[in-house]
Amino acid sequence: MGNSKDWPRANVQPPDLNNPKEVLQALLSIEWSRLETATRIEEERNIVFPETTIIIRDIQKLMGALGLPLEEKEDIFGIFPNLDLDDFAP
């Protein structure tokens, strides 16, 4: 972050889906980790972060680019059994 005094902000641009498959898989893993952290903090503090929606959108786009259907999310990731991403579908 360098010497910036600004608060970090969510990137409004989704990840570049033209990256190699390995890069998209790494980005997806990072986004799942971010979502897990964001939802844990939301539950602990009883608040909602608008940025969480951006993380979910990025996960959806990355899963689509990798050909991973949302219906199989529990089988693939198994970390959010109570999270229904279909509720967030565009």
Protein backbone atom coordinates (compact mmCIF):
# COMPACT_ATOMS: atom_id res chain seq x y z
CA MET A 1 0.00 0.00 0.00
CA GLY A 2 2.97 2.30 0.21
CA ASN A 3 2.52 5.60 1.97
CA SER A 4 -1.14 6.07 1.10
CA LYS A 5 -3.30 7.54 3.85
CA ASP A 6 -6.52 6.49 2.10
CA TRP A 7 -8.66 3.65 3.42
CA PRO A 8 -8.48 0.51 1.29
CA ARG A 9 -11.46 0.11 -1.01
CA ALA A 10 -12.99 -2.78 -2.86
CA ASN A 11 -12.12 -3.00 -6.52
CA VAL A 12 -15.27 -2.28 -8.52
CA GLN A 13 -13.77 -4.04 -11.56
CA PRO A 14 -14.16 -7.83 -11.61
CA PRO A 15 -11.03 -9.92 -12.15
CA ASP A 16 -9.74 -10.21 -15.70
CA LEU A 17 -11.19 -13.48 -16.93
CA ASN A 18 -8.65 -13.71 -19.77
CA ASN A 19 -5.92 -14.84 -17.36
CA PRO A 20 -4.61 -18.41 -17.52
CA LYS A 21 -6.64 -21.06 -15.70
CA GLU A 22 -4.05 -21.34 -12.91
CA VAL A 23 -4.33 -17.61 -12.18
CA LEU A 24 -8.13 -17.76 -12.13
CA GLN A 25 -7.99 -20.73 -9.74
CA ALA A 26 -5.63 -18.84 -7.43
CA LEU A 27 -7.88 -15.76 -7.53
CA LEU A 28 -10.90 -17.91 -6.75
CA SER A 29 -9.15 -19.41 -3.75
CA ILE A 30 -8.29 -15.91 -2.49
CA GLU A 31 -11.85 -14.69 -2.98
CA TRP A 32 -13.27 -17.67 -1.06
CA SER A 33 -10.89 -16.90 1.79
CA ARG A 34 -11.97 -13.26 1.73
CA LEU A 35 -15.63 -14.26 1.76
CA GLU A 36 -15.08 -16.58 4.70
CA THR A 37 -13.36 -13.78 6.65
CA ALA A 38 -15.97 -11.17 5.71
CA THR A 39 -18.91 -13.35 6.68
CA ARG A 40 -17.25 -14.32 9.97
CA ILE A 41 -16.70 -10.67 10.87
CA GLU A 42 -20.25 -9.78 9.80
CA GLU A 43 -21.65 -12.45 12.09
CA GLU A 44 -19.39 -11.48 15.00
CA ARG A 45 -20.23 -7.78 14.75
CA ASN A 46 -23.81 -8.18 13.53
CA ILE A 47 -23.19 -5.88 10.55
CA VAL A 48 -23.21 -6.19 6.78
CA PHE A 49 -20.31 -5.08 4.60
CA PRO A 50 -21.36 -3.91 1.12
CA GLU A 51 -17.99 -5.18 -0.09
CA THR A 52 -19.13 -8.75 0.62
CA THR A 53 -21.45 -8.51 -2.37
CA ILE A 54 -18.48 -7.59 -4.55
CA ILE A 55 -16.58 -10.63 -3.30
CA ILE A 56 -19.57 -12.84 -4.11
CA ARG A 57 -19.85 -11.31 -7.59
CA ASP A 58 -16.16 -12.01 -8.22
CA ILE A 59 -16.56 -15.61 -7.06
CA GLN A 60 -19.50 -16.07 -9.43
CA LYS A 61 -17.55 -14.65 -12.37
CA LEU A 62 -14.45 -16.74 -11.61
CA MET A 63 -16.49 -19.91 -11.18
CA GLY A 64 -18.23 -19.23 -14.49
CA ALA A 65 -14.92 -18.62 -16.26
CA LEU A 66 -13.55 -21.87 -14.87
CA GLY A 67 -16.70 -23.76 -15.85
CA LEU A 68 -17.66 -24.52 -12.24
CA PRO A 69 -21.45 -24.43 -11.88
CA LEU A 70 -22.80 -22.83 -8.71
CA GLU A 71 -24.93 -25.92 -8.05
CA GLU A 72 -21.75 -27.85 -7.22
CA LYS A 73 -20.26 -25.26 -4.88
CA GLU A 74 -20.68 -27.39 -1.75
CA ASP A 75 -18.99 -30.36 -3.39
CA ILE A 76 -16.13 -28.22 -4.70
CA PHE A 77 -15.47 -25.99 -1.73
CA GLY A 78 -17.39 -27.35 1.24
CA ILE A 79 -16.68 -24.30 3.38
CA PHE A 80 -20.03 -22.51 3.25
CA PRO A 81 -22.74 -25.13 3.69
CA ASN A 82 -25.31 -22.52 4.76
CA LEU A 83 -24.49 -19.91 2.11
CA ASP A 84 -26.80 -19.99 -0.90
CA LEU A 85 -25.03 -18.11 -3.69
CA ASP A 86 -28.12 -18.50 -5.86
CA ASP A 87 -29.67 -15.76 -3.72
CA PHE A 88 -27.00 -13.41 -5.08
CA ALA A 89 -27.21 -14.41 -8.73
CA PRO A 90 -27.56 -11.53 -11.17
